[in-house]
Amino acid sequence: MDDALWALVEPLLPQWPERSPGPRPVDDRLCLQDILFVLCTGITWQQLPLELRFGSGQTCWRRLGRWHEAGVSNRASDAAGQVERG
C-alpha cells in the first residue's frame, strides 16, 4: 500500500486503548495489507502466508471485525465519495 492511500485510510481507523491486554498489536497498515490480500485473492484466513509478515489470518480477521464494529467501512465509503466529488 502506497503512502498516499495510507494517508487517507489511517485517520479512519480507531486508536488502540492505552492499556490493551495481550501482546503488542500488529501494525494497522500491515494488517490492512493482509486483509486486502485475502479479499483480492479469495484465499481463506487460515491460508494467509506467514511469510508476508503482516500477522496471522486470525489476527487480521479479528482486526477487520474490530474495524467493522467501529464503523470504519462506512467512514471509508464516505471519504471515497468526497474524494470522488473533489
Foldseek 3Di string as FASTA:
>chain_A
DDPVVCVLQVVLADDDDPDDDDDDAFDPVLLVVQVVVCVVVVDQQQPRDCVSVSDGSVSSVVSVVVSVVVVSVVVSVVSVVVVVVD
